């Protein structure tokens, strides 16, 4: 159960179209819609009405801006019925603005507000965070195992002074970029870093290499940031009885399918026959809300009315020269929707559509900010490795502070099961025993992929012996889903260069677009959807379903799935504790 909290932040929502003929759009006739009143539990009503009145008065007193118009009232609407706010708002011509005020315990009705555009819509929470600097090649260090910004650090506020003093002594400038109160972290850019580390003793490089045996591959050398961070921790530990400041790199993550783990045409999506998503039920239960942290969303007409976004940036731009990974988010969401037809989806475009990458800072702040959206689950079909095998600071903090949301992530496509691989496939160069974050986090459900026979791990999925942090497996080969339409070029992500490369392979997908695809991303979507639907049909929380599936009893021994998978539910094979 989540704590009863009150948050005054507002979030603007763009809603998916309700029919194939009506595109998703912003509301333009807010005051013309008549507010509907609904009964709520008395304790919620008493808590909600003062905020509703305050929002109304603020809209009346404040001058219009950004084409905003005030309305005479803001009425709380109970979200306990089958028609969720996102669905009722996605009808043609209806408004797409919703002001959400905090999350509530699972056994209490959600209260949301609908009003006209007003300055509240453009509060600090509603305004999108400034985009980070482009991942230019000269700003990102790329190695065989990890990638990170060469001049950025993430730091805990209590250590800013200590770190600042040490870096100032080296004439390294600290420039603040962003801060996150939710994470309790700051993002800084470092200036004159290379010149500063030259002031350190010449034995530092050798000490770094000795302390990080196995971290650097042949030909790889510690970067200036590696040296600076090692110096900070070493000096602090010597002077303060082992204390090390909480400071780390801003790491780069990538789309799991984007990496050339499976290689060749085997990993390409293929055209598939048309199919219909399962219809939604008419139950009065609250629908589970699933966040999809992925690429921008393709506005597929068959997925209309099932999702919401927070900005135009969350939707894929319409153009002809599409590459295969542009359809990743819609495929992931549709796989989850096939298992959870009664869920509503919230789209978070954390992956850059051109590079299929994001940073640990952007991912973490998006996760923390999503707590305003009353999510039950997050599905993260992305990941990244660290050379030292440790969980990145920003991501660890985000997982810690989103404990009320079930998090599901792809285990990775870095398996080397050559026995089950097609003859022309190229297995991953990334070792299968390398933890992929966030899947390897103790607070995240790591999902591996089963093969086409639905028995053993897929050839691209690490085994339990290789990745003991795996929690379950789900179907991951030749799954069907919604996709782009028209002529689509197949693409691969060049990890070392950090760019999406269009291959000479292409295919035509008849409108409106259906495909089959393989990957652990889709296994994560399958498992997440199955858990969400189980929660909905049984009238319990998604967290409770996850607890029942993955609860470990003291002294228990896990069963393996490598050769004899345990019987799971809803297509999920859980590594059970008996």
Protein backbone atom coordinates (compact mmCIF):
# COMPACT_ATOMS: atom_id res chain seq x y z
CA UNK A 1 0.00 0.00 0.00
CA UNK A 2 1.36 3.40 -0.93
CA UNK A 3 1.51 6.15 1.70
CA UNK A 4 -1.25 8.75 1.69
CA UNK A 5 0.46 11.78 0.23
CA UNK A 6 -0.55 15.14 -1.12
CA UNK A 7 1.31 16.56 -4.09
CA UNK A 8 0.35 19.87 -5.62
CA UNK A 9 2.11 19.33 -8.91
CA UNK A 10 0.13 19.25 -12.13
CA UNK A 11 0.84 17.26 -15.24
CA UNK A 12 -0.43 17.96 -18.72
CA UNK A 13 -1.61 14.97 -20.71
CA UNK A 14 -2.07 14.30 -24.38
CA UNK A 15 -4.53 11.53 -24.99
CA UNK A 16 -4.65 8.88 -27.69
CA UNK A 17 -7.42 9.05 -30.21
CA UNK A 18 -10.54 7.00 -29.61
CA UNK A 19 -10.92 5.97 -33.22
CA UNK A 20 -8.68 5.39 -36.21
CA UNK A 21 -10.09 8.44 -37.96
CA UNK A 22 -9.39 10.91 -35.19
CA UNK A 23 -5.75 11.78 -34.42
CA UNK A 24 -4.61 12.40 -30.88
CA UNK A 25 -4.74 16.11 -30.14
CA UNK A 26 -4.79 18.80 -27.49
CA UNK A 27 -8.08 20.10 -26.18
CA UNK A 28 -9.32 23.38 -27.64
CA UNK A 29 -12.83 23.72 -26.18
CA UNK A 30 -12.32 23.24 -22.47
CA UNK A 31 -15.05 25.58 -21.26
CA UNK A 32 -17.65 24.09 -23.56
CA UNK A 33 -17.61 20.78 -21.77
CA UNK A 34 -19.95 20.40 -18.85
CA UNK A 35 -18.25 19.16 -15.68
CA UNK A 36 -19.61 15.95 -14.27
CA UNK A 37 -19.93 15.34 -10.54
CA UNK A 38 -19.43 11.93 -9.03
CA UNK A 39 -19.72 10.66 -5.51
CA UNK A 40 -16.54 9.86 -3.61
CA UNK A 41 -15.78 8.58 -0.18
CA UNK A 42 -16.21 11.31 2.36
CA UNK A 43 -12.59 11.42 3.52
CA UNK A 44 -11.34 11.77 -0.04
CA UNK A 45 -14.01 14.34 -0.89
CA UNK A 46 -13.08 16.49 2.10
CA UNK A 47 -9.43 16.35 1.13
CA UNK A 48 -10.05 16.99 -2.54
CA UNK A 49 -12.48 19.90 -2.51
CA UNK A 50 -10.10 22.53 -1.05
CA UNK A 51 -7.59 21.78 -3.80
CA UNK A 52 -10.31 21.95 -6.44
CA UNK A 53 -11.47 25.34 -5.16
CA UNK A 54 -7.88 26.59 -5.01
CA UNK A 55 -7.27 25.51 -8.60
CA UNK A 56 -10.44 27.26 -9.73
CA UNK A 57 -9.63 30.50 -7.90
CA UNK A 58 -6.07 30.49 -9.28
CA UNK A 59 -7.37 30.11 -12.81
CA UNK A 60 -9.78 33.02 -12.29
CA UNK A 61 -7.21 35.39 -10.79
CA UNK A 62 -4.33 34.62 -13.17
CA UNK A 63 -4.16 36.16 -16.66
CA UNK A 64 -4.36 33.76 -19.61
CA UNK A 65 -1.06 32.59 -21.06
CA UNK A 66 0.01 30.19 -23.78
CA UNK A 67 -3.52 30.31 -25.17
CA UNK A 68 -4.88 29.33 -21.74
CA UNK A 69 -8.46 30.08 -20.83
CA UNK A 70 -10.03 29.89 -17.42
CA UNK A 71 -13.19 27.97 -16.68
CA UNK A 72 -15.84 28.52 -14.05
CA UNK A 73 -15.25 25.35 -12.10
CA UNK A 74 -13.10 22.31 -11.54
CA UNK A 75 -14.99 19.23 -10.43
CA UNK A 76 -13.39 16.14 -8.92
CA UNK A 77 -14.11 12.97 -10.86
CA UNK A 78 -13.91 9.58 -9.27
CA UNK A 79 -11.73 7.09 -11.15
CA UNK A 80 -13.23 3.93 -9.70
CA UNK A 81 -15.35 3.03 -12.73
CA UNK A 82 -14.50 1.15 -15.86
CA UNK A 83 -14.21 4.34 -17.90
CA UNK A 84 -10.84 5.63 -16.80
CA UNK A 85 -9.90 9.27 -17.12
CA UNK A 86 -7.66 8.55 -20.06
CA UNK A 87 -10.34 6.67 -21.95
CA UNK A 88 -13.11 9.13 -21.33
CA UNK A 89 -10.82 11.97 -22.31
CA UNK A 90 -9.75 10.33 -25.55
CA UNK A 91 -13.06 10.62 -27.32
CA UNK A 92 -12.99 12.72 -30.49
CA UNK A 93 -13.14 16.41 -29.71
CA UNK A 94 -12.77 15.99 -25.97
CA UNK A 95 -10.19 17.67 -23.81
CA UNK A 96 -6.89 16.05 -23.03
CA UNK A 97 -5.94 18.01 -19.92
CA UNK A 98 -5.86 16.36 -16.52
CA UNK A 99 -4.54 17.72 -13.26
CA UNK A 100 -3.40 14.90 -11.04
CA UNK A 101 -2.94 15.53 -7.36
CA UNK A 102 -0.88 12.81 -5.79
CA UNK A 103 -1.30 9.09 -5.35
CA UNK A 104 -3.59 7.38 -2.89
CA UNK A 105 -3.67 3.98 -1.21
CA UNK A 106 -4.84 1.06 -3.30
CA UNK A 107 -8.13 0.66 -1.40
CA UNK A 108 -9.25 4.24 -1.98
CA UNK A 109 -10.75 5.79 -5.11
CA UNK A 110 -8.49 7.95 -7.27
CA UNK A 111 -9.53 11.57 -7.54
CA UNK A 112 -8.56 13.57 -10.60
CA UNK A 113 -9.48 17.03 -11.76
CA UNK A 114 -10.52 18.43 -15.09
CA UNK A 115 -10.58 22.15 -15.64
CA UNK A 116 -9.75 24.71 -18.26
CA UNK A 117 -6.20 25.64 -19.17
CA UNK A 118 -4.68 27.77 -16.45
CA UNK A 119 -1.22 28.64 -15.10
CA UNK A 120 -1.32 25.53 -12.94
CA UNK A 121 -0.84 23.52 -16.11
CA UNK A 122 2.58 25.06 -16.54
CA UNK A 123 3.94 24.52 -13.05
CA UNK A 124 7.45 23.26 -12.43
CA UNK A 125 6.21 19.68 -12.60
CA UNK A 126 4.30 20.14 -15.82
CA UNK A 127 7.14 21.87 -17.63
CA UNK A 128 9.38 19.38 -19.37
CA UNK A 129 12.90 19.19 -18.06
CA UNK A 130 15.51 20.75 -20.33
CA UNK A 131 17.02 18.30 -22.76
CA UNK A 132 20.48 17.10 -21.92
CA UNK A 133 23.39 17.87 -24.15
CA UNK A 134 23.45 15.77 -27.28
CA UNK A 135 25.40 12.56 -26.96
CA UNK A 136 28.19 13.75 -29.22
CA UNK A 137 31.02 11.33 -29.75
CA UNK A 138 33.46 13.64 -28.00
CA UNK A 139 31.24 13.78 -24.90
CA UNK A 140 30.63 10.06 -24.41
CA UNK A 141 33.24 7.46 -23.52
CA UNK A 142 32.32 4.15 -25.16
CA UNK A 143 33.90 0.90 -24.17
CA UNK A 144 33.13 -2.71 -24.84
CA UNK A 145 31.05 -3.02 -21.67
CA UNK A 146 29.99 0.48 -20.62
CA UNK A 147 29.36 4.00 -21.89
CA UNK A 148 29.12 7.27 -19.96
CA UNK A 149 29.34 11.03 -20.33
CA UNK A 150 32.99 12.03 -20.11
CA UNK A 151 32.37 15.30 -18.27
CA UNK A 152 29.31 14.77 -16.06
CA UNK A 153 28.84 13.53 -12.51
CA UNK A 154 25.83 12.71 -10.36
CA UNK A 155 26.29 13.66 -6.73
CA UNK A 156 24.40 13.61 -3.44
CA UNK A 157 23.75 17.13 -2.07
CA UNK A 158 25.53 16.45 1.21
CA UNK A 159 28.77 15.74 -0.64
CA UNK A 160 28.70 18.73 -2.99
CA UNK A 161 30.86 20.89 -0.73
CA UNK A 162 33.52 18.23 -0.15
CA UNK A 163 33.71 17.25 -3.81
CA UNK A 164 33.66 20.89 -4.89
CA UNK A 165 36.60 21.76 -2.66
CA UNK A 166 38.69 18.85 -3.93
CA UNK A 167 37.95 19.62 -7.57
CA UNK A 168 38.57 23.32 -7.03
CA UNK A 169 42.04 22.45 -5.75
CA UNK A 170 42.64 20.77 -9.11
CA UNK A 171 41.19 23.81 -10.94
CA UNK A 172 38.31 21.68 -12.22
CA UNK A 173 35.10 23.66 -12.56
CA UNK A 174 31.73 22.30 -11.40
CA UNK A 175 28.81 23.69 -13.42
CA UNK A 176 25.32 22.73 -12.19
CA UNK A 177 23.10 21.26 -14.91
CA UNK A 178 20.01 19.88 -13.19
CA UNK A 179 18.74 18.95 -9.75
CA UNK A 180 16.14 16.43 -8.68
CA UNK A 181 14.48 16.83 -5.31
CA UNK A 182 12.71 13.53 -5.79
CA UNK A 183 15.99 11.67 -6.21
CA UNK A 184 17.98 13.84 -3.83
CA UNK A 185 20.72 14.17 -6.45
CA UNK A 186 22.41 16.85 -8.54
CA UNK A 187 23.85 16.64 -12.05
CA UNK A 188 27.05 18.62 -12.69
CA UNK A 189 29.24 19.23 -15.69
CA UNK A 190 32.99 19.35 -15.16
CA UNK A 191 35.17 21.87 -16.96
CA UNK A 192 38.93 21.65 -17.53
CA UNK A 193 38.83 18.04 -16.36
CA UNK A 194 41.74 16.80 -18.45
CA UNK A 195 43.99 19.65 -17.31
CA UNK A 196 43.03 19.09 -13.70
CA UNK A 197 43.92 15.42 -13.52
CA UNK A 198 47.38 16.21 -14.88
CA UNK A 199 48.11 17.79 -11.50
CA UNK A 200 47.70 14.41 -9.80
CA UNK A 201 50.62 12.07 -9.16
CA UNK A 202 51.77 9.83 -11.98
CA UNK A 203 51.10 6.63 -10.04
CA UNK A 204 47.34 7.24 -10.07
CA UNK A 205 46.77 5.47 -13.38
CA UNK A 206 48.42 2.28 -12.17
CA UNK A 207 46.48 2.36 -8.89
CA UNK A 208 43.24 2.72 -10.83
CA UNK A 209 44.06 -0.27 -13.01
CA UNK A 210 45.06 -2.43 -10.03
CA UNK A 211 41.85 -1.55 -8.20
CA UNK A 212 39.76 -2.34 -11.27
CA UNK A 213 41.23 -5.62 -12.47
CA UNK A 214 39.11 -6.93 -15.32
CA UNK A 215 37.33 -3.61 -15.81
CA UNK A 216 39.39 -2.40 -18.73
CA UNK A 217 39.70 -4.51 -21.85
CA UNK A 218 42.86 -4.66 -23.93
CA UNK A 219 43.63 -1.24 -25.35
CA UNK A 220 41.29 0.60 -22.96
CA UNK A 221 42.70 3.22 -20.61
CA UNK A 222 41.09 5.03 -17.65
CA UNK A 223 39.45 8.28 -18.72
CA UNK A 224 40.05 11.62 -17.04
CA UNK A 225 36.73 11.16 -15.24
CA UNK A 226 37.80 7.72 -13.99
CA UNK A 227 40.97 9.23 -12.56
CA UNK A 228 39.17 12.15 -10.93
CA UNK A 229 36.54 9.95 -9.27
CA UNK A 230 39.15 7.49 -8.03
CA UNK A 231 41.17 10.36 -6.57
CA UNK A 232 38.12 11.78 -4.79
CA UNK A 233 37.23 8.45 -3.21
CA UNK A 234 40.80 7.51 -2.35
CA UNK A 235 41.57 10.84 -0.68
CA UNK A 236 38.30 10.93 1.24
CA UNK A 237 38.71 7.37 2.51
CA UNK A 238 42.22 8.17 3.75
CA UNK A 239 41.17 11.35 5.53
CA UNK A 240 37.75 10.31 6.87
CA UNK A 241 38.12 6.75 8.13
CA UNK A 242 36.95 5.07 4.93
CA UNK A 243 34.12 7.46 4.04
CA UNK A 244 33.64 7.95 0.31
CA UNK A 245 31.47 10.69 -1.17
CA UNK A 246 28.33 9.64 -3.01
CA UNK A 247 29.32 10.62 -6.53
CA UNK A 248 29.15 8.67 -9.79
CA UNK A 249 29.09 8.86 -13.58
CA UNK A 250 26.10 9.79 -15.70
CA UNK A 251 25.87 6.56 -17.67
CA UNK A 252 24.40 5.76 -21.06
CA UNK A 253 21.71 3.12 -21.58
CA UNK A 254 20.48 1.60 -24.79
CA UNK A 255 17.52 -0.20 -26.25
CA UNK A 256 17.96 -3.92 -25.63
CA UNK A 257 16.96 -4.88 -29.16
CA UNK A 258 19.04 -2.05 -30.59
CA UNK A 259 22.35 -3.63 -29.70
CA UNK A 260 23.78 -6.06 -32.24
CA UNK A 261 23.43 -8.95 -29.79
CA UNK A 262 21.56 -11.27 -32.10
CA UNK A 263 22.89 -9.80 -35.32
CA UNK A 264 21.89 -10.44 -38.92
CA UNK A 265 18.34 -10.59 -40.17
CA UNK A 266 17.25 -13.00 -37.44
CA UNK A 267 16.61 -10.09 -35.10
CA UNK A 268 14.54 -8.11 -37.62
CA UNK A 269 10.78 -7.66 -37.30
CA UNK A 270 8.79 -9.47 -39.98
CA UNK A 271 5.38 -8.64 -41.48
CA UNK A 272 2.55 -10.58 -39.84
CA UNK A 273 -1.15 -11.16 -40.51
CA UNK A 274 -3.58 -8.70 -38.98
CA UNK A 275 -5.05 -9.51 -35.58
CA UNK A 276 -7.27 -7.76 -33.06
CA UNK A 277 -6.22 -6.83 -29.54
CA UNK A 278 -8.42 -8.42 -26.87
CA UNK A 279 -11.45 -6.32 -26.00
CA UNK A 280 -11.65 -4.55 -22.68
CA UNK A 281 -14.04 -5.79 -20.03
CA UNK A 282 -16.84 -3.73 -18.54
CA UNK A 283 -15.84 -4.32 -14.94
CA UNK A 284 -16.11 -1.42 -12.50
CA UNK A 285 -12.67 -2.14 -11.06
CA UNK A 286 -9.91 0.42 -11.41
CA UNK A 287 -7.73 -0.34 -14.42
CA UNK A 288 -4.02 -1.02 -13.81
CA UNK A 289 -1.74 1.72 -15.14
CA UNK A 290 1.45 0.63 -16.88
CA UNK A 291 4.27 3.01 -17.76
CA UNK A 292 6.23 2.19 -20.93
CA UNK A 293 9.75 3.67 -20.79
CA UNK A 294 10.95 3.32 -24.35
CA UNK A 295 11.17 5.14 -27.68
CA UNK A 296 8.54 7.67 -28.81
CA UNK A 297 5.19 6.06 -29.56
CA UNK A 298 3.91 5.30 -33.04
CA UNK A 299 0.23 6.35 -33.11
CA UNK A 300 -1.12 3.04 -34.34
CA UNK A 301 -4.88 3.23 -35.03
CA UNK A 302 -5.52 -0.17 -33.41
CA UNK A 303 -4.01 1.08 -30.14
CA UNK A 304 -6.08 4.26 -29.98
CA UNK A 305 -7.80 4.97 -26.69
CA UNK A 306 -5.49 2.73 -24.66
CA UNK A 307 -2.64 5.12 -23.86
CA UNK A 308 -1.78 8.66 -22.79
CA UNK A 309 1.35 10.78 -23.30
CA UNK A 310 2.67 13.95 -21.71
CA UNK A 311 3.82 15.85 -24.80
CA UNK A 312 4.15 15.84 -28.57
CA UNK A 313 7.71 14.58 -28.07
CA UNK A 314 6.23 11.29 -26.88
CA UNK A 315 4.78 10.60 -30.32
CA UNK A 316 6.80 9.50 -33.32
CA UNK A 317 7.13 12.06 -36.08
CA UNK A 318 5.45 11.11 -39.33
CA UNK A 319 7.96 10.48 -42.10
CA UNK A 320 8.69 7.95 -44.82
CA UNK A 321 12.26 6.81 -44.07
CA UNK A 322 11.44 4.79 -40.97
CA UNK A 323 13.86 2.29 -39.45
CA UNK A 324 12.76 -0.82 -37.60
CA UNK A 325 13.51 0.36 -34.08
CA UNK A 326 11.12 3.29 -34.47
CA UNK A 327 8.34 0.77 -33.89
CA UNK A 328 9.79 -0.63 -30.69
CA UNK A 329 7.55 1.21 -28.21
CA UNK A 330 4.28 0.35 -29.96
CA UNK A 331 5.37 -3.29 -30.26
CA UNK A 332 6.26 -3.48 -26.56
CA UNK A 333 3.00 -1.81 -25.52
CA UNK A 334 0.89 -4.03 -27.77
CA UNK A 335 2.51 -7.21 -26.46
CA UNK A 336 1.67 -6.08 -22.94
CA UNK A 337 -1.87 -5.13 -24.02
CA UNK A 338 -2.48 -8.61 -25.42
CA UNK A 339 -1.90 -9.95 -21.91
CA UNK A 340 -3.53 -7.00 -20.12
CA UNK A 341 -6.36 -5.71 -22.31
CA UNK A 342 -7.87 -3.87 -19.36
CA UNK A 343 -4.73 -1.86 -18.62
CA UNK A 344 -4.13 1.75 -19.58
CA UNK A 345 -0.66 2.75 -20.70
CA UNK A 346 1.39 5.87 -20.07
CA UNK A 347 4.19 6.50 -22.58
CA UNK A 348 7.55 7.93 -21.47
CA UNK A 349 9.92 8.47 -24.45
CA UNK A 350 13.23 8.17 -22.60
CA UNK A 351 15.14 6.69 -25.55
CA UNK A 352 16.46 9.03 -28.21
CA UNK A 353 14.79 7.85 -31.44
CA UNK A 354 17.91 8.53 -33.53
CA UNK A 355 20.46 6.87 -31.26
CA UNK A 356 18.26 4.55 -29.18
CA UNK A 357 20.11 5.70 -26.09
CA UNK A 358 19.38 7.57 -22.89
CA UNK A 359 21.30 8.54 -19.78
CA UNK A 360 21.00 7.20 -16.27
CA UNK A 361 20.01 10.71 -15.16
CA UNK A 362 17.15 11.04 -17.62
CA UNK A 363 15.91 7.52 -16.92
CA UNK A 364 16.06 8.04 -13.16
CA UNK A 365 14.33 11.43 -13.18
CA UNK A 366 11.63 10.08 -15.49
CA UNK A 367 11.02 7.16 -13.15
CA UNK A 368 10.79 9.45 -10.15
CA UNK A 369 8.54 11.92 -11.93
CA UNK A 370 6.21 9.12 -13.03
CA UNK A 371 5.15 8.72 -9.41
CA UNK A 372 2.78 11.63 -10.07
CA UNK A 373 0.94 9.50 -12.61
CA UNK A 374 -0.29 6.87 -10.16
CA UNK A 375 1.38 3.97 -11.95
CA UNK A 376 1.08 0.36 -10.87
CA UNK A 377 3.94 -0.88 -13.03
CA UNK A 378 6.86 0.25 -15.18
CA UNK A 379 8.09 -1.79 -18.13
CA UNK A 380 11.67 -0.94 -19.11
CA UNK A 381 12.86 -2.60 -22.32
CA UNK A 382 16.31 -1.05 -22.06
CA UNK A 383 19.50 -1.61 -20.17
CA UNK A 384 23.14 -0.87 -19.70
CA UNK A 385 26.17 -2.50 -18.14
CA UNK A 386 28.82 -1.14 -15.81
CA UNK A 387 32.42 -2.23 -15.95
CA UNK A 388 32.58 -2.76 -12.18
CA UNK A 389 29.24 -4.62 -12.06
CA UNK A 390 27.73 -2.13 -9.61
CA UNK A 391 24.30 -0.56 -9.88
CA UNK A 392 24.49 3.04 -11.16
CA UNK A 393 23.85 5.64 -8.48
CA UNK A 394 21.01 7.52 -10.18
CA UNK A 395 19.18 4.35 -11.12
CA UNK A 396 19.58 2.83 -7.66
CA UNK A 397 18.12 5.96 -6.11
CA UNK A 398 15.21 5.94 -8.57
CA UNK A 399 14.38 2.31 -7.83
CA UNK A 400 14.52 3.03 -4.11
CA UNK A 401 12.16 6.00 -4.36
CA UNK A 402 9.61 4.30 -6.60
CA UNK A 403 9.07 1.39 -4.24
CA UNK A 404 5.29 1.59 -4.63
CA UNK A 405 5.52 0.68 -8.33
CA UNK A 406 6.32 -2.79 -9.67
CA UNK A 407 9.26 -2.51 -12.07
CA UNK A 408 9.81 -5.06 -14.85
CA UNK A 409 12.89 -5.01 -17.09
CA UNK A 410 14.44 -7.04 -19.89
CA UNK A 411 17.22 -9.38 -18.82
CA UNK A 412 19.23 -8.64 -21.96
CA UNK A 413 20.00 -10.18 -25.34
CA UNK A 414 23.61 -10.97 -24.55
CA UNK A 415 23.18 -14.73 -24.28
CA UNK A 416 25.54 -17.12 -26.03
CA UNK A 417 23.43 -20.23 -26.38
CA UNK A 418 24.92 -21.19 -29.73
CA UNK A 419 23.34 -24.65 -29.61
CA UNK A 420 19.88 -23.18 -30.09
CA UNK A 421 20.85 -20.33 -32.38
CA UNK A 422 20.15 -20.26 -36.13
CA UNK A 423 23.22 -21.13 -38.24
CA UNK A 424 23.69 -17.60 -39.60
CA UNK A 425 23.32 -15.73 -36.33
CA UNK A 426 26.13 -13.84 -34.62
CA UNK A 427 26.09 -14.20 -30.84
CA UNK A 428 26.70 -11.24 -28.60
CA UNK A 429 30.20 -9.96 -27.91
CA UNK A 430 29.04 -8.83 -24.47
CA UNK A 431 29.67 -11.58 -21.89
CA UNK A 432 26.40 -13.17 -20.71
CA UNK A 433 27.43 -12.88 -17.05
CA UNK A 434 27.54 -9.08 -17.21
CA UNK A 435 24.66 -7.56 -15.19
CA UNK A 436 22.35 -5.39 -17.26
CA UNK A 437 20.78 -2.57 -15.28
CA UNK A 438 18.01 -2.00 -14.27
CA UNK A 439 17.15 -5.71 -14.66
CA UNK A 440 19.86 -6.78 -12.21
CA UNK A 441 18.57 -4.46 -9.48
CA UNK A 442 17.16 -6.19 -6.40
CA UNK A 443 14.04 -4.03 -6.70
CA UNK A 444 13.34 -4.93 -10.35
CA UNK A 445 11.82 -8.08 -11.85
CA UNK A 446 14.29 -9.37 -14.45
CA UNK A 447 12.62 -11.26 -17.31
CA UNK A 448 14.46 -13.59 -19.65
CA UNK A 449 13.16 -14.97 -22.94
CA UNK A 450 12.05 -18.51 -23.72
CA UNK A 451 12.55 -20.03 -27.15
CA UNK A 452 9.99 -20.65 -29.86
CA UNK A 453 9.16 -24.06 -28.34
CA UNK A 454 8.39 -22.29 -25.06
CA UNK A 455 10.71 -24.55 -23.08
CA UNK A 456 14.36 -23.48 -22.82
CA UNK A 457 15.88 -20.00 -22.70
CA UNK A 458 16.10 -18.41 -26.14
CA UNK A 459 19.53 -18.47 -27.74
CA UNK A 460 19.94 -14.73 -27.06
CA UNK A 461 18.83 -14.91 -23.41
CA UNK A 462 21.40 -15.57 -20.65
CA UNK A 463 20.78 -18.70 -18.61
CA UNK A 464 20.21 -18.72 -14.88
CA UNK A 465 23.75 -19.96 -14.31
CA UNK A 466 25.06 -16.98 -16.27
CA UNK A 467 22.64 -14.42 -14.82
CA UNK A 468 21.52 -15.53 -11.34
CA UNK A 469 19.58 -12.28 -10.89
CA UNK A 470 16.91 -13.46 -13.36
CA UNK A 471 13.46 -13.76 -11.77
CA UNK A 472 11.41 -15.42 -14.49
CA UNK A 473 11.11 -16.15 -18.18
CA UNK A 474 8.33 -15.48 -20.64
CA UNK A 475 7.81 -16.10 -24.36
CA UNK A 476 10.29 -14.04 -26.34
CA UNK A 477 10.62 -15.48 -29.84
CA UNK A 478 8.38 -14.67 -32.78
CA UNK A 479 5.84 -12.74 -30.76
CA UNK A 480 3.25 -10.77 -32.69
CA UNK A 481 2.45 -7.13 -32.11
CA UNK A 482 1.46 -3.81 -33.62
CA UNK A 483 4.12 -2.13 -35.74
CA UNK A 484 4.87 0.53 -38.33
CA UNK A 485 3.26 0.44 -41.74
CA UNK A 486 4.77 0.91 -45.17
CA UNK A 487 8.38 0.45 -46.25
CA UNK A 488 10.67 0.01 -43.24
CA UNK A 489 14.47 -0.23 -43.26
CA UNK A 490 16.07 -2.64 -40.82
CA UNK A 491 18.60 -1.05 -38.50
CA UNK A 492 21.24 -1.97 -35.97
CA UNK A 493 22.79 0.02 -33.17
CA UNK A 494 26.54 0.46 -33.46
CA UNK A 495 27.36 0.47 -29.76
CA UNK A 496 30.93 1.69 -30.11
CA UNK A 497 29.87 4.62 -32.27
CA UNK A 498 26.56 5.21 -30.51
CA UNK A 499 24.60 5.57 -33.74
CA UNK A 500 21.78 3.70 -35.44
CA UNK A 501 22.97 2.29 -38.74
CA UNK A 502 20.47 1.57 -41.49
CA UNK A 503 21.24 -1.74 -43.16
CA UNK A 504 20.54 -2.75 -46.75
CA UNK A 505 17.67 -4.94 -45.53
CA UNK A 506 14.10 -3.70 -45.71
CA UNK A 507 10.54 -4.99 -45.69
CA UNK A 508 7.04 -3.79 -46.44
CA UNK A 509 4.40 -3.85 -43.69
CA UNK A 510 0.82 -3.50 -44.99
CA UNK A 511 -1.27 -0.83 -43.27
CA UNK A 512 -1.96 -0.40 -40.41
CA UNK A 513 1.13 -2.46 -39.48
CA UNK A 514 1.61 -5.85 -37.78
CA UNK A 515 4.82 -7.77 -37.15
CA UNK A 516 6.52 -10.64 -35.39
CA UNK A 517 9.69 -9.91 -33.45
CA UNK A 518 12.02 -11.56 -30.95
CA UNK A 519 13.82 -10.22 -27.91
CA UNK A 520 13.83 -10.03 -24.13
CA UNK A 521 12.15 -6.62 -24.37
CA UNK A 522 9.00 -8.38 -25.45
CA UNK A 523 9.37 -11.04 -22.76
CA UNK A 524 9.36 -8.24 -20.20
CA UNK A 525 6.25 -6.75 -21.79
CA UNK A 526 4.53 -10.15 -21.82
CA UNK A 527 5.31 -10.82 -18.15
CA UNK A 528 4.35 -7.32 -17.05
CA UNK A 529 1.05 -7.48 -18.87
CA UNK A 530 0.23 -10.91 -17.46
CA UNK A 531 0.83 -9.74 -13.89
CA UNK A 532 -1.23 -6.59 -14.39
CA UNK A 533 -4.18 -8.53 -15.80
CA UNK A 534 -4.02 -11.07 -12.97
CA UNK A 535 -4.24 -8.19 -10.51
CA UNK A 536 -7.22 -6.73 -12.35
CA UNK A 537 -9.21 -9.95 -12.58
CA UNK A 538 -8.58 -10.86 -8.94
CA UNK A 539 -9.24 -7.35 -7.64
CA UNK A 540 -5.86 -7.01 -5.95
CA UNK A 541 -2.87 -4.74 -6.49
CA UNK A 542 -0.10 -5.47 -8.98
CA UNK A 543 2.34 -5.32 -6.07
CA UNK A 544 0.44 -8.11 -4.34
CA UNK A 545 0.60 -10.27 -7.46
CA UNK A 546 4.36 -9.71 -7.69
CA UNK A 547 4.80 -10.54 -4.02
CA UNK A 548 2.94 -13.82 -4.42
CA UNK A 549 4.96 -14.78 -7.48
CA UNK A 550 8.43 -13.86 -6.34
CA UNK A 551 8.34 -14.08 -2.55
CA UNK A 552 11.41 -15.87 -1.26
CA UNK A 553 11.10 -17.91 1.91
CA UNK A 554 14.07 -18.11 4.32
CA UNK A 555 16.21 -21.16 3.70
CA UNK A 556 14.57 -21.96 0.38
CA UNK A 557 16.39 -23.20 -2.70
CA UNK A 558 15.54 -21.77 -6.12
CA UNK A 559 14.66 -24.13 -8.93
CA UNK A 560 16.30 -23.66 -12.29
CA UNK A 561 14.63 -23.05 -15.61
CA UNK A 562 17.55 -23.94 -17.86
CA UNK A 563 16.32 -27.48 -18.52
CA UNK A 564 13.11 -27.91 -16.51
CA UNK A 565 11.14 -24.70 -16.15
CA UNK A 566 8.67 -24.57 -13.30
CA UNK A 567 4.99 -24.19 -14.08
CA UNK A 568 4.22 -20.50 -14.11
CA UNK A 569 0.98 -18.59 -14.43
CA UNK A 570 -0.17 -16.63 -17.42
CA UNK A 571 2.83 -17.76 -19.44
CA UNK A 572 5.41 -16.73 -16.82
CA UNK A 573 7.90 -19.34 -15.65
CA UNK A 574 9.01 -18.24 -12.23
CA UNK A 575 12.23 -19.35 -10.57
CA UNK A 576 10.34 -20.65 -7.57
CA UNK A 577 11.52 -20.91 -3.99
CA UNK A 578 10.34 -24.08 -2.29
